[in-house]
Amino acid sequence: MGRRQVRGHPDFSIRAGICAAARVGAASEELEAAIRSKQPSLFLAWARRNEIKVAPELVKEVEARGVVIADWKDNYDKLNEQAKKLSEQRDELIAICTKLTEERDALRKKAAELESQVWEGFDEDRDIYPPELDIAMLAWRAATNQRDPNETPKSQVRAWLDEHYPKLSEEAKQRIAIVCNWEKEGGRRKRE
C-alpha cells in the first residue's frame, strides 16, 4: 500500500513547499514573459479603469522594468476622436479649396472678359496702320475721361487735337471731331 499524505506530516509540508516553489517559479517566469510582452500594462490599465484594486508593489515592479502602463481602450478612444477631428478638418479644407477654386475660375473668366475689352491701340509698324483712326481713338478716350460739362464733346475733342496733334490738317481734325462726338443731336446745349 502506498503512503497517504496527511497534512501536518513533515513529508507533506516539504513536498507542498517544493510544489509551491515550483509553481511560484513558473508563475514568476510567466510574469517575466508577460512583462516583456507588455501584457501587464494592459491588465493594470484595465484594472485601474474598472476600479479594481491592484497591489502597488506589482505596479512598481512592472514600471521598474520599463513598461508603461497604458489603457488600450483609452488610447483607442483618443485616437478615434483625433481621427474624427482630422476628418472634419479635412472636410472643411475640401470645402474651402472648392470655394477658392470656384472663385479662382470666376476671376479667370472675368479677367479674360476684361482683357478682351482692353484695346491696346493700333500697330504702327503694320502696313495697314490707320493713323487718323488711331488719333481719333486717343482723342475720344481723352475727351471721355476728362469731360467738361461746360464744353461740347466736339469742342473738347477739337481742343485735345489742337494740343496734341497741332500739325494735323484742319480737315482731319474736323472729321475726327465729328466721329468722336457722342452728342449727335447738334445745336446749343440747353442750360438747366
N, C-alpha and C. Protein backbone atom coordinates (compact mmCIF):
# COMPACT_ATOMS: atom_id res chain seq x y z
N MET A 1 0.81 -1.16 0.00
CA MET A 1 0.00 0.00 0.00
C MET A 1 0.86 1.23 0.00
N GLY A 2 0.39 2.25 -0.73
CA GLY A 2 1.16 3.48 -0.78
C GLY A 2 0.96 4.32 0.43
N ARG A 3 1.85 5.19 0.58
CA ARG A 3 1.74 6.08 1.74
C ARG A 3 0.71 7.17 1.47
N ARG A 4 -0.03 7.46 2.46
CA ARG A 4 -1.01 8.51 2.37
C ARG A 4 -0.42 9.81 2.88
N GLN A 5 -0.74 10.89 2.16
CA GLN A 5 -0.26 12.21 2.59
C GLN A 5 -1.25 12.78 3.58
N VAL A 6 -0.75 13.22 4.65
CA VAL A 6 -1.60 13.80 5.67
C VAL A 6 -1.04 15.18 5.98
N ARG A 7 -1.95 16.09 6.08
CA ARG A 7 -1.49 17.44 6.42
C ARG A 7 -0.90 17.43 7.80
N GLY A 8 0.11 18.26 7.89
CA GLY A 8 0.79 18.32 9.18
C GLY A 8 1.93 17.33 9.25
N HIS A 9 1.98 16.37 8.34
CA HIS A 9 3.08 15.42 8.31
C HIS A 9 4.29 16.12 7.72
N PRO A 10 5.48 15.87 8.26
CA PRO A 10 6.67 16.58 7.79
C PRO A 10 6.93 16.40 6.30
N ASP A 11 6.72 15.22 5.74
CA ASP A 11 6.94 15.00 4.31
C ASP A 11 5.97 15.85 3.46
N PHE A 12 4.74 15.99 3.95
CA PHE A 12 3.73 16.74 3.19
C PHE A 12 4.16 18.19 3.06
N SER A 13 4.59 18.82 4.12
CA SER A 13 4.94 20.23 4.08
C SER A 13 6.16 20.47 3.21
N ILE A 14 7.10 19.52 3.20
CA ILE A 14 8.28 19.68 2.36
C ILE A 14 7.88 19.58 0.89
N ARG A 15 7.06 18.52 0.59
CA ARG A 15 6.61 18.38 -0.80
C ARG A 15 5.74 19.56 -1.22
N ALA A 16 4.85 19.99 -0.35
CA ALA A 16 3.99 21.13 -0.66
C ALA A 16 4.84 22.37 -0.91
N GLY A 17 5.86 22.56 -0.14
CA GLY A 17 6.75 23.71 -0.30
C GLY A 17 7.49 23.66 -1.61
N ILE A 18 7.96 22.43 -1.96
CA ILE A 18 8.66 22.29 -3.23
C ILE A 18 7.71 22.58 -4.39
N CYS A 19 6.50 22.03 -4.31
CA CYS A 19 5.50 22.27 -5.37
C CYS A 19 5.14 23.75 -5.44
N ALA A 20 4.96 24.37 -4.28
CA ALA A 20 4.62 25.79 -4.25
C ALA A 20 5.75 26.61 -4.84
N ALA A 21 6.97 26.25 -4.47
CA ALA A 21 8.12 26.97 -5.02
C ALA A 21 8.19 26.79 -6.52
N ALA A 22 7.91 25.58 -6.99
CA ALA A 22 7.91 25.33 -8.44
C ALA A 22 6.83 26.16 -9.13
N ARG A 23 5.64 26.19 -8.46
CA ARG A 23 4.56 26.99 -9.05
C ARG A 23 4.92 28.46 -9.06
N VAL A 24 5.51 28.94 -7.96
CA VAL A 24 5.90 30.35 -7.88
C VAL A 24 6.97 30.65 -8.92
N GLY A 25 7.90 29.72 -9.08
CA GLY A 25 8.95 29.90 -10.08
C GLY A 25 8.37 29.96 -11.48
N ALA A 26 7.44 29.05 -11.77
CA ALA A 26 6.79 29.05 -13.09
C ALA A 26 5.98 30.32 -13.28
N ALA A 27 5.27 30.71 -12.22
CA ALA A 27 4.48 31.93 -12.31
C ALA A 27 5.38 33.14 -12.50
N SER A 28 6.52 33.11 -11.81
CA SER A 28 7.47 34.21 -11.93
C SER A 28 8.01 34.31 -13.35
N GLU A 29 8.30 33.13 -13.95
CA GLU A 29 8.77 33.11 -15.33
C GLU A 29 7.68 33.61 -16.28
N GLU A 30 6.42 33.19 -16.01
CA GLU A 30 5.31 33.66 -16.84
C GLU A 30 5.11 35.16 -16.68
N LEU A 31 5.24 35.62 -15.42
CA LEU A 31 5.11 37.05 -15.16
C LEU A 31 6.20 37.80 -15.90
N GLU A 32 7.41 37.28 -15.83
CA GLU A 32 8.53 37.92 -16.53
C GLU A 32 8.27 37.96 -18.03
N ALA A 33 7.78 36.85 -18.60
CA ALA A 33 7.47 36.81 -20.04
C ALA A 33 6.33 37.76 -20.38
N ALA A 34 5.33 37.81 -19.52
CA ALA A 34 4.20 38.70 -19.75
C ALA A 34 4.64 40.16 -19.67
N ILE A 35 5.54 40.42 -18.73
CA ILE A 35 6.04 41.78 -18.59
C ILE A 35 6.80 42.18 -19.85
N ARG A 36 7.61 41.24 -20.35
CA ARG A 36 8.35 41.54 -21.57
C ARG A 36 7.40 41.78 -22.75
N SER A 37 6.28 41.09 -22.78
CA SER A 37 5.34 41.26 -23.89
C SER A 37 4.35 42.40 -23.63
N LYS A 38 4.50 43.11 -22.53
CA LYS A 38 3.69 44.29 -22.16
C LYS A 38 2.24 43.97 -21.85
N GLN A 39 1.90 42.72 -21.62
CA GLN A 39 0.54 42.38 -21.24
C GLN A 39 0.17 42.94 -19.87
N PRO A 40 1.08 42.99 -18.92
CA PRO A 40 0.69 43.53 -17.61
C PRO A 40 0.24 44.98 -17.71
N SER A 41 0.83 45.74 -18.61
CA SER A 41 0.42 47.14 -18.71
C SER A 41 -1.04 47.23 -19.12
N LEU A 42 -1.45 46.35 -20.02
CA LEU A 42 -2.86 46.36 -20.44
C LEU A 42 -3.76 45.93 -19.29
N PHE A 43 -3.33 44.89 -18.58
CA PHE A 43 -4.12 44.42 -17.44
C PHE A 43 -4.22 45.49 -16.37
N LEU A 44 -3.09 46.09 -16.01
CA LEU A 44 -3.08 47.10 -14.94
C LEU A 44 -3.91 48.32 -15.34
N ALA A 45 -3.81 48.73 -16.59
CA ALA A 45 -4.63 49.85 -17.05
C ALA A 45 -6.11 49.50 -17.02
N TRP A 46 -6.42 48.29 -17.45
CA TRP A 46 -7.80 47.82 -17.41
C TRP A 46 -8.31 47.80 -15.97
N ALA A 47 -7.47 47.32 -15.07
CA ALA A 47 -7.87 47.26 -13.66
C ALA A 47 -8.12 48.66 -13.10
N ARG A 48 -7.26 49.60 -13.43
CA ARG A 48 -7.47 50.98 -12.97
C ARG A 48 -8.78 51.54 -13.50
N ARG A 49 -9.04 51.32 -14.82
CA ARG A 49 -10.24 51.85 -15.45
C ARG A 49 -11.49 51.28 -14.80
N ASN A 50 -11.43 50.02 -14.38
CA ASN A 50 -12.58 49.36 -13.77
C ASN A 50 -12.55 49.43 -12.25
N GLU A 51 -11.66 50.24 -11.72
CA GLU A 51 -11.54 50.48 -10.28
C GLU A 51 -11.32 49.19 -9.49
N ILE A 52 -10.48 48.34 -10.03
CA ILE A 52 -10.10 47.10 -9.34
C ILE A 52 -8.77 47.36 -8.66
N LYS A 53 -8.73 47.05 -7.38
CA LYS A 53 -7.50 47.31 -6.62
C LYS A 53 -6.40 46.35 -7.05
N VAL A 54 -5.23 46.92 -7.23
CA VAL A 54 -4.04 46.15 -7.61
C VAL A 54 -2.95 46.51 -6.61
N ALA A 55 -2.19 45.52 -6.25
CA ALA A 55 -1.11 45.75 -5.28
C ALA A 55 -0.14 46.79 -5.83
N PRO A 56 0.15 47.82 -5.06
CA PRO A 56 1.08 48.86 -5.53
C PRO A 56 2.46 48.31 -5.86
N GLU A 57 2.86 47.22 -5.15
CA GLU A 57 4.16 46.61 -5.42
C GLU A 57 4.22 46.06 -6.84
N LEU A 58 3.09 45.48 -7.29
CA LEU A 58 3.03 44.94 -8.64
C LEU A 58 3.21 46.06 -9.66
N VAL A 59 2.53 47.17 -9.44
CA VAL A 59 2.64 48.31 -10.35
C VAL A 59 4.08 48.80 -10.38
N LYS A 60 4.72 48.89 -9.18
CA LYS A 60 6.11 49.35 -9.12
C LYS A 60 7.04 48.39 -9.86
N GLU A 61 6.82 47.10 -9.68
CA GLU A 61 7.66 46.09 -10.33
C GLU A 61 7.53 46.18 -11.86
N VAL A 62 6.31 46.33 -12.32
CA VAL A 62 6.09 46.42 -13.77
C VAL A 62 6.74 47.68 -14.32
N GLU A 63 6.52 48.82 -13.65
CA GLU A 63 7.10 50.08 -14.10
C GLU A 63 8.62 50.07 -14.00
N ALA A 64 9.17 49.36 -12.99
CA ALA A 64 10.62 49.28 -12.83
C ALA A 64 11.27 48.58 -14.01
N ARG A 65 10.54 47.74 -14.68
CA ARG A 65 11.07 47.03 -15.85
C ARG A 65 10.91 47.84 -17.14
N GLY A 66 10.50 49.10 -17.00
CA GLY A 66 10.39 49.99 -18.16
C GLY A 66 9.11 49.87 -18.93
N VAL A 67 8.11 49.21 -18.36
CA VAL A 67 6.84 49.04 -19.06
C VAL A 67 5.93 50.21 -18.68
N VAL A 68 5.38 50.85 -19.71
CA VAL A 68 4.44 51.96 -19.49
C VAL A 68 3.04 51.36 -19.37
N ILE A 69 2.37 51.74 -18.30
CA ILE A 69 1.02 51.23 -18.09
C ILE A 69 0.05 52.13 -18.85
N ALA A 70 -0.49 51.60 -19.92
CA ALA A 70 -1.38 52.38 -20.78
C ALA A 70 -2.62 51.55 -21.09
N ASP A 71 -3.75 52.22 -21.07
CA ASP A 71 -5.02 51.56 -21.34
C ASP A 71 -5.30 51.63 -22.84
N TRP A 72 -5.34 50.49 -23.49
CA TRP A 72 -5.56 50.46 -24.94
C TRP A 72 -6.91 51.06 -25.31
N LYS A 73 -7.91 50.87 -24.44
CA LYS A 73 -9.24 51.41 -24.73
C LYS A 73 -9.20 52.93 -24.74
N ASP A 74 -8.54 53.51 -23.72
CA ASP A 74 -8.42 54.97 -23.70
C ASP A 74 -7.63 55.46 -24.90
N ASN A 75 -6.54 54.75 -25.21
CA ASN A 75 -5.74 55.13 -26.38
C ASN A 75 -6.57 55.03 -27.66
N TYR A 76 -7.35 53.98 -27.78
CA TYR A 76 -8.20 53.81 -28.95
C TYR A 76 -9.22 54.95 -29.03
N ASP A 77 -9.87 55.24 -27.89
CA ASP A 77 -10.86 56.31 -27.88
C ASP A 77 -10.25 57.65 -28.25
N LYS A 78 -9.05 57.93 -27.72
CA LYS A 78 -8.37 59.19 -28.05
C LYS A 78 -8.01 59.24 -29.53
N LEU A 79 -7.46 58.16 -30.04
CA LEU A 79 -7.10 58.13 -31.46
C LEU A 79 -8.33 58.24 -32.35
N ASN A 80 -9.41 57.59 -31.94
CA ASN A 80 -10.65 57.66 -32.70
C ASN A 80 -11.18 59.10 -32.73
N GLU A 81 -11.12 59.77 -31.59
CA GLU A 81 -11.56 61.17 -31.51
C GLU A 81 -10.67 62.05 -32.39
N GLN A 82 -9.37 61.82 -32.34
CA GLN A 82 -8.45 62.58 -33.20
C GLN A 82 -8.76 62.33 -34.68
N ALA A 83 -9.04 61.09 -35.02
CA ALA A 83 -9.36 60.76 -36.41
C ALA A 83 -10.64 61.48 -36.85
N LYS A 84 -11.64 61.55 -35.96
CA LYS A 84 -12.88 62.27 -36.30
C LYS A 84 -12.60 63.75 -36.53
N LYS A 85 -11.79 64.36 -35.64
CA LYS A 85 -11.46 65.78 -35.78
C LYS A 85 -10.69 66.02 -37.07
N LEU A 86 -9.73 65.14 -37.36
CA LEU A 86 -8.96 65.29 -38.60
C LEU A 86 -9.86 65.14 -39.82
N SER A 87 -10.81 64.23 -39.74
CA SER A 87 -11.75 64.04 -40.85
C SER A 87 -12.60 65.29 -41.05
N GLU A 88 -13.06 65.89 -39.94
CA GLU A 88 -13.84 67.12 -40.02
C GLU A 88 -12.99 68.25 -40.60
N GLN A 89 -11.74 68.35 -40.15
CA GLN A 89 -10.85 69.39 -40.68
C GLN A 89 -10.59 69.17 -42.17
N ARG A 90 -10.42 67.90 -42.56
CA ARG A 90 -10.23 67.59 -43.98
C ARG A 90 -11.44 68.04 -44.79
N ASP A 91 -12.64 67.75 -44.27
CA ASP A 91 -13.86 68.14 -44.98
C ASP A 91 -13.97 69.66 -45.09
N GLU A 92 -13.60 70.37 -44.01
CA GLU A 92 -13.61 71.83 -44.04
C GLU A 92 -12.61 72.35 -45.07
N LEU A 93 -11.42 71.76 -45.10
CA LEU A 93 -10.40 72.19 -46.06
C LEU A 93 -10.84 71.90 -47.50
N ILE A 94 -11.50 70.78 -47.70
CA ILE A 94 -12.01 70.46 -49.04
C ILE A 94 -13.04 71.51 -49.46
N ALA A 95 -13.91 71.89 -48.52
CA ALA A 95 -14.93 72.91 -48.83
C ALA A 95 -14.26 74.25 -49.15
N ILE A 96 -13.25 74.61 -48.38
CA ILE A 96 -12.53 75.87 -48.62
C ILE A 96 -11.83 75.81 -49.98
N CYS A 97 -11.17 74.69 -50.27
CA CYS A 97 -10.48 74.54 -51.56
C CYS A 97 -11.47 74.61 -52.71
N THR A 98 -12.61 73.99 -52.55
CA THR A 98 -13.63 74.03 -53.60
C THR A 98 -14.11 75.46 -53.83
N LYS A 99 -14.36 76.17 -52.74
CA LYS A 99 -14.80 77.56 -52.84
C LYS A 99 -13.73 78.42 -53.50
N LEU A 100 -12.48 78.25 -53.07
CA LEU A 100 -11.39 79.03 -53.65
C LEU A 100 -11.19 78.70 -55.13
N THR A 101 -11.34 77.44 -55.48
CA THR A 101 -11.22 77.05 -56.88
C THR A 101 -12.31 77.70 -57.72
N GLU A 102 -13.54 77.72 -57.19
CA GLU A 102 -14.64 78.36 -57.90
C GLU A 102 -14.39 79.86 -58.06
N GLU A 103 -13.90 80.49 -56.97
CA GLU A 103 -13.59 81.92 -57.04
C GLU A 103 -12.48 82.19 -58.04
N ARG A 104 -11.45 81.33 -58.04
CA ARG A 104 -10.34 81.49 -58.99
C ARG A 104 -10.85 81.39 -60.41
N ASP A 105 -11.70 80.39 -60.67
CA ASP A 105 -12.23 80.21 -62.02
C ASP A 105 -13.08 81.40 -62.45
N ALA A 106 -13.88 81.93 -61.50
CA ALA A 106 -14.70 83.10 -61.81
C ALA A 106 -13.82 84.31 -62.11
N LEU A 107 -12.74 84.48 -61.32
CA LEU A 107 -11.83 85.60 -61.56
C LEU A 107 -11.08 85.44 -62.88
N ARG A 108 -10.70 84.22 -63.21
CA ARG A 108 -10.04 84.00 -64.51
C ARG A 108 -10.98 84.35 -65.66
N LYS A 109 -12.25 83.96 -65.51
CA LYS A 109 -13.23 84.27 -66.55
C LYS A 109 -13.42 85.77 -66.68
N LYS A 110 -13.52 86.45 -65.52
CA LYS A 110 -13.70 87.89 -65.54
C LYS A 110 -12.46 88.58 -66.14
N ALA A 111 -11.27 88.09 -65.78
CA ALA A 111 -10.03 88.66 -66.33
C ALA A 111 -9.98 88.48 -67.83
N ALA A 112 -10.40 87.31 -68.30
CA ALA A 112 -10.42 87.08 -69.75
C ALA A 112 -11.40 88.03 -70.44
N GLU A 113 -12.56 88.25 -69.81
CA GLU A 113 -13.53 89.19 -70.38
C GLU A 113 -12.97 90.60 -70.42
N LEU A 114 -12.31 91.01 -69.33
CA LEU A 114 -11.73 92.35 -69.28
C LEU A 114 -10.60 92.50 -70.28
N GLU A 115 -9.79 91.46 -70.41
CA GLU A 115 -8.69 91.52 -71.38
C GLU A 115 -9.22 91.66 -72.80
N SER A 116 -10.36 91.01 -73.06
CA SER A 116 -10.93 91.12 -74.40
C SER A 116 -11.49 92.52 -74.66
N GLN A 117 -11.79 93.26 -73.60
CA GLN A 117 -12.32 94.61 -73.75
C GLN A 117 -11.23 95.67 -73.84
N VAL A 118 -10.04 95.34 -73.41
CA VAL A 118 -8.95 96.30 -73.43
C VAL A 118 -8.44 96.44 -74.86
N TRP A 119 -8.41 97.67 -75.28
CA TRP A 119 -7.89 97.93 -76.63
C TRP A 119 -6.49 98.47 -76.49
N GLU A 120 -5.57 97.83 -77.13
CA GLU A 120 -4.17 98.21 -76.99
C GLU A 120 -3.72 99.16 -78.09
N GLY A 121 -4.62 99.57 -78.90
CA GLY A 121 -4.27 100.51 -79.96
C GLY A 121 -3.88 99.78 -81.23
N PHE A 122 -3.54 100.60 -82.20
CA PHE A 122 -3.15 100.05 -83.49
C PHE A 122 -1.65 99.79 -83.51
N ASP A 123 -1.26 98.86 -84.34
CA ASP A 123 0.16 98.55 -84.50
C ASP A 123 0.72 99.46 -85.58
N GLU A 124 1.50 100.43 -85.17
CA GLU A 124 2.04 101.42 -86.10
C GLU A 124 3.02 100.83 -87.09
N ASP A 125 3.54 99.66 -86.81
CA ASP A 125 4.53 99.04 -87.70
C ASP A 125 3.90 98.28 -88.86
N ARG A 126 2.62 98.09 -88.83
CA ARG A 126 1.95 97.34 -89.91
C ARG A 126 1.66 98.27 -91.09
N ASP A 127 1.63 97.69 -92.26
CA ASP A 127 1.38 98.49 -93.46
C ASP A 127 -0.07 98.94 -93.56
N ILE A 128 -0.96 98.36 -92.77
CA ILE A 128 -2.38 98.75 -92.81
C ILE A 128 -2.75 99.68 -91.65
N TYR A 129 -1.74 100.28 -91.02
CA TYR A 129 -1.97 101.17 -89.88
C TYR A 129 -2.79 102.38 -90.31
N PRO A 130 -3.94 102.64 -89.61
CA PRO A 130 -4.76 103.82 -89.93
C PRO A 130 -4.45 104.97 -88.95
N PRO A 131 -3.58 105.88 -89.28
CA PRO A 131 -3.17 106.92 -88.33
C PRO A 131 -4.32 107.81 -87.86
N GLU A 132 -5.22 108.17 -88.79
CA GLU A 132 -6.31 109.05 -88.40
C GLU A 132 -7.27 108.36 -87.43
N LEU A 133 -7.53 107.10 -87.64
CA LEU A 133 -8.40 106.33 -86.75
C LEU A 133 -7.73 106.15 -85.38
N ASP A 134 -6.43 105.94 -85.38
CA ASP A 134 -5.68 105.81 -84.11
C ASP A 134 -5.76 107.11 -83.32
N ILE A 135 -5.57 108.23 -83.99
CA ILE A 135 -5.65 109.54 -83.31
C ILE A 135 -7.07 109.77 -82.81
N ALA A 136 -8.08 109.37 -83.60
CA ALA A 136 -9.48 109.53 -83.20
C ALA A 136 -9.76 108.75 -81.91
N MET A 137 -9.24 107.54 -81.83
CA MET A 137 -9.44 106.73 -80.61
C MET A 137 -8.79 107.40 -79.40
N LEU A 138 -7.58 107.90 -79.56
CA LEU A 138 -6.89 108.58 -78.46
C LEU A 138 -7.65 109.83 -78.03
N ALA A 139 -8.13 110.58 -79.01
CA ALA A 139 -8.88 111.81 -78.71
C ALA A 139 -10.18 111.48 -77.99
N TRP A 140 -10.90 110.49 -78.48
CA TRP A 140 -12.17 110.11 -77.85
C TRP A 140 -11.96 109.66 -76.40
N ARG A 141 -10.93 108.84 -76.17
CA ARG A 141 -10.66 108.36 -74.80
C ARG A 141 -10.30 109.53 -73.89
N ALA A 142 -9.49 110.45 -74.38
CA ALA A 142 -9.09 111.60 -73.57
C ALA A 142 -10.31 112.47 -73.24
N ALA A 143 -11.14 112.70 -74.23
CA ALA A 143 -12.33 113.56 -74.01
C ALA A 143 -13.33 112.90 -73.07
N THR A 144 -13.51 111.58 -73.17
CA THR A 144 -14.48 110.92 -72.30
C THR A 144 -13.94 110.75 -70.88
N ASN A 145 -12.64 110.68 -70.73
CA ASN A 145 -12.06 110.53 -69.38
C ASN A 145 -11.96 111.86 -68.64
N GLN A 146 -11.92 112.98 -69.40
CA GLN A 146 -11.80 114.30 -68.76
C GLN A 146 -12.92 115.21 -69.26
N ARG A 147 -14.12 114.78 -69.05
CA ARG A 147 -15.28 115.52 -69.56
C ARG A 147 -15.45 116.85 -68.84
N ASP A 148 -15.77 117.84 -69.63
CA ASP A 148 -16.04 119.18 -69.09
C ASP A 148 -17.51 119.48 -69.39
N PRO A 149 -18.34 119.60 -68.35
CA PRO A 149 -19.78 119.81 -68.60
C PRO A 149 -20.09 121.15 -69.28
N ASN A 150 -19.13 122.08 -69.27
CA ASN A 150 -19.36 123.39 -69.91
C ASN A 150 -19.00 123.39 -71.39
N GLU A 151 -18.41 122.33 -71.88
CA GLU A 151 -17.98 122.24 -73.28
C GLU A 151 -18.73 121.11 -73.98
N THR A 152 -18.90 121.24 -75.28
CA THR A 152 -19.50 120.16 -76.06
C THR A 152 -18.44 119.09 -76.30
N PRO A 153 -18.86 117.86 -76.51
CA PRO A 153 -17.88 116.81 -76.80
C PRO A 153 -17.03 117.15 -78.03
N LYS A 154 -17.66 117.71 -79.04
CA LYS A 154 -16.93 118.05 -80.26
C LYS A 154 -15.83 119.07 -79.98
N SER A 155 -16.15 120.08 -79.19
CA SER A 155 -15.14 121.11 -78.88
C SER A 155 -14.05 120.56 -77.97
N GLN A 156 -14.41 119.62 -77.08
CA GLN A 156 -13.39 119.01 -76.21
C GLN A 156 -12.41 118.18 -77.04
N VAL A 157 -12.94 117.40 -78.00
CA VAL A 157 -12.09 116.59 -78.87
C VAL A 157 -11.20 117.52 -79.70
N ARG A 158 -11.79 118.59 -80.23
CA ARG A 158 -11.04 119.54 -81.06
C ARG A 158 -9.92 120.19 -80.26
N ALA A 159 -10.17 120.56 -79.02
CA ALA A 159 -9.14 121.18 -78.17
C ALA A 159 -8.00 120.19 -77.90
N TRP A 160 -8.37 118.96 -77.65
CA TRP A 160 -7.33 117.95 -77.39
C TRP A 160 -6.47 117.74 -78.64
N LEU A 161 -7.09 117.68 -79.80
CA LEU A 161 -6.36 117.51 -81.07
C LEU A 161 -5.41 118.69 -81.32
N ASP A 162 -5.90 119.91 -81.05
CA ASP A 162 -5.06 121.09 -81.26
C ASP A 162 -3.83 121.05 -80.35
N GLU A 163 -4.01 120.55 -79.14
CA GLU A 163 -2.90 120.49 -78.19
C GLU A 163 -1.91 119.37 -78.51
N HIS A 164 -2.43 118.19 -78.84
CA HIS A 164 -1.56 117.02 -79.01
C HIS A 164 -1.12 116.76 -80.47
N TYR A 165 -1.89 117.22 -81.44
CA TYR A 165 -1.55 117.00 -82.86
C TYR A 165 -1.72 118.32 -83.64
N PRO A 166 -0.88 119.32 -83.32
CA PRO A 166 -1.03 120.62 -83.98
C PRO A 166 -0.75 120.59 -85.49
N LYS A 167 0.04 119.63 -85.95
CA LYS A 167 0.38 119.57 -87.38
C LYS A 167 -0.66 118.81 -88.20
N LEU A 168 -1.67 118.26 -87.54
CA LEU A 168 -2.74 117.53 -88.25
C LEU A 168 -3.56 118.53 -89.05
N SER A 169 -3.97 118.16 -90.25
CA SER A 169 -4.74 119.08 -91.11
C SER A 169 -6.09 119.42 -90.48
N GLU A 170 -6.62 120.60 -90.88
CA GLU A 170 -7.92 121.04 -90.35
C GLU A 170 -9.02 120.08 -90.77
N GLU A 171 -8.94 119.53 -91.98
CA GLU A 171 -9.95 118.60 -92.44
C GLU A 171 -9.94 117.32 -91.59
N ALA A 172 -8.74 116.82 -91.27
CA ALA A 172 -8.61 115.60 -90.44
C ALA A 172 -9.15 115.87 -89.03
N LYS A 173 -8.82 117.04 -88.48
CA LYS A 173 -9.33 117.40 -87.14
C LYS A 173 -10.87 117.47 -87.15
N GLN A 174 -11.43 118.03 -88.22
CA GLN A 174 -12.88 118.15 -88.32
C GLN A 174 -13.53 116.77 -88.42
N ARG A 175 -12.95 115.88 -89.23
CA ARG A 175 -13.50 114.52 -89.38
C ARG A 175 -13.45 113.78 -88.03
N ILE A 176 -12.32 113.87 -87.34
CA ILE A 176 -12.15 113.18 -86.05
C ILE A 176 -13.13 113.74 -85.03
N ALA A 177 -13.29 115.07 -84.99
CA ALA A 177 -14.21 115.69 -84.03
C ALA A 177 -15.65 115.25 -84.29
N ILE A 178 -16.03 115.11 -85.55
CA ILE A 178 -17.38 114.66 -85.89
C ILE A 178 -17.57 113.20 -85.48
N VAL A 179 -16.59 112.34 -85.78
CA VAL A 179 -16.70 110.92 -85.46
C VAL A 179 -16.73 110.70 -83.95
N CYS A 180 -15.94 111.46 -83.19
CA CYS A 180 -15.85 111.26 -81.73
C CYS A 180 -16.98 111.92 -80.94
N ASN A 181 -17.80 112.72 -81.57
CA ASN A 181 -18.87 113.44 -80.89
C ASN A 181 -19.97 112.46 -80.48
N TRP A 182 -20.19 112.32 -79.20
CA TRP A 182 -21.22 111.38 -78.73
C TRP A 182 -22.58 112.06 -78.57
N GLU A 183 -22.65 113.35 -78.74
CA GLU A 183 -23.93 114.06 -78.72
C GLU A 183 -24.30 114.40 -80.16
N LYS A 184 -25.08 113.58 -80.79
CA LYS A 184 -25.36 113.71 -82.22
C LYS A 184 -26.53 114.65 -82.54
N GLU A 185 -27.28 115.14 -81.52
CA GLU A 185 -28.43 115.99 -81.81
C GLU A 185 -28.02 117.32 -82.41
N GLY A 186 -26.91 117.86 -82.00
CA GLY A 186 -26.45 119.14 -82.53
C GLY A 186 -27.13 120.30 -81.84
N GLY A 187 -26.74 121.50 -82.22
CA GLY A 187 -27.33 122.70 -81.64
C GLY A 187 -26.70 123.00 -80.28
N ARG A 188 -27.16 124.17 -79.76
CA ARG A 188 -26.64 124.58 -78.45
C ARG A 188 -27.24 123.74 -77.35
N ARG A 189 -26.46 123.58 -76.31
CA ARG A 189 -26.96 122.88 -75.13
C ARG A 189 -27.94 123.74 -74.39
N LYS A 190 -28.94 123.10 -73.85
CA LYS A 190 -29.91 123.83 -73.04
C LYS A 190 -29.37 123.92 -71.63
N ARG A 191 -29.44 125.12 -71.09
CA ARG A 191 -28.97 125.31 -69.72
C ARG A 191 -30.08 124.93 -68.77
N GLU A 192 -29.66 124.34 -67.70
CA GLU A 192 -30.66 123.88 -66.71
C GLU A 192 -31.03 124.94 -65.74
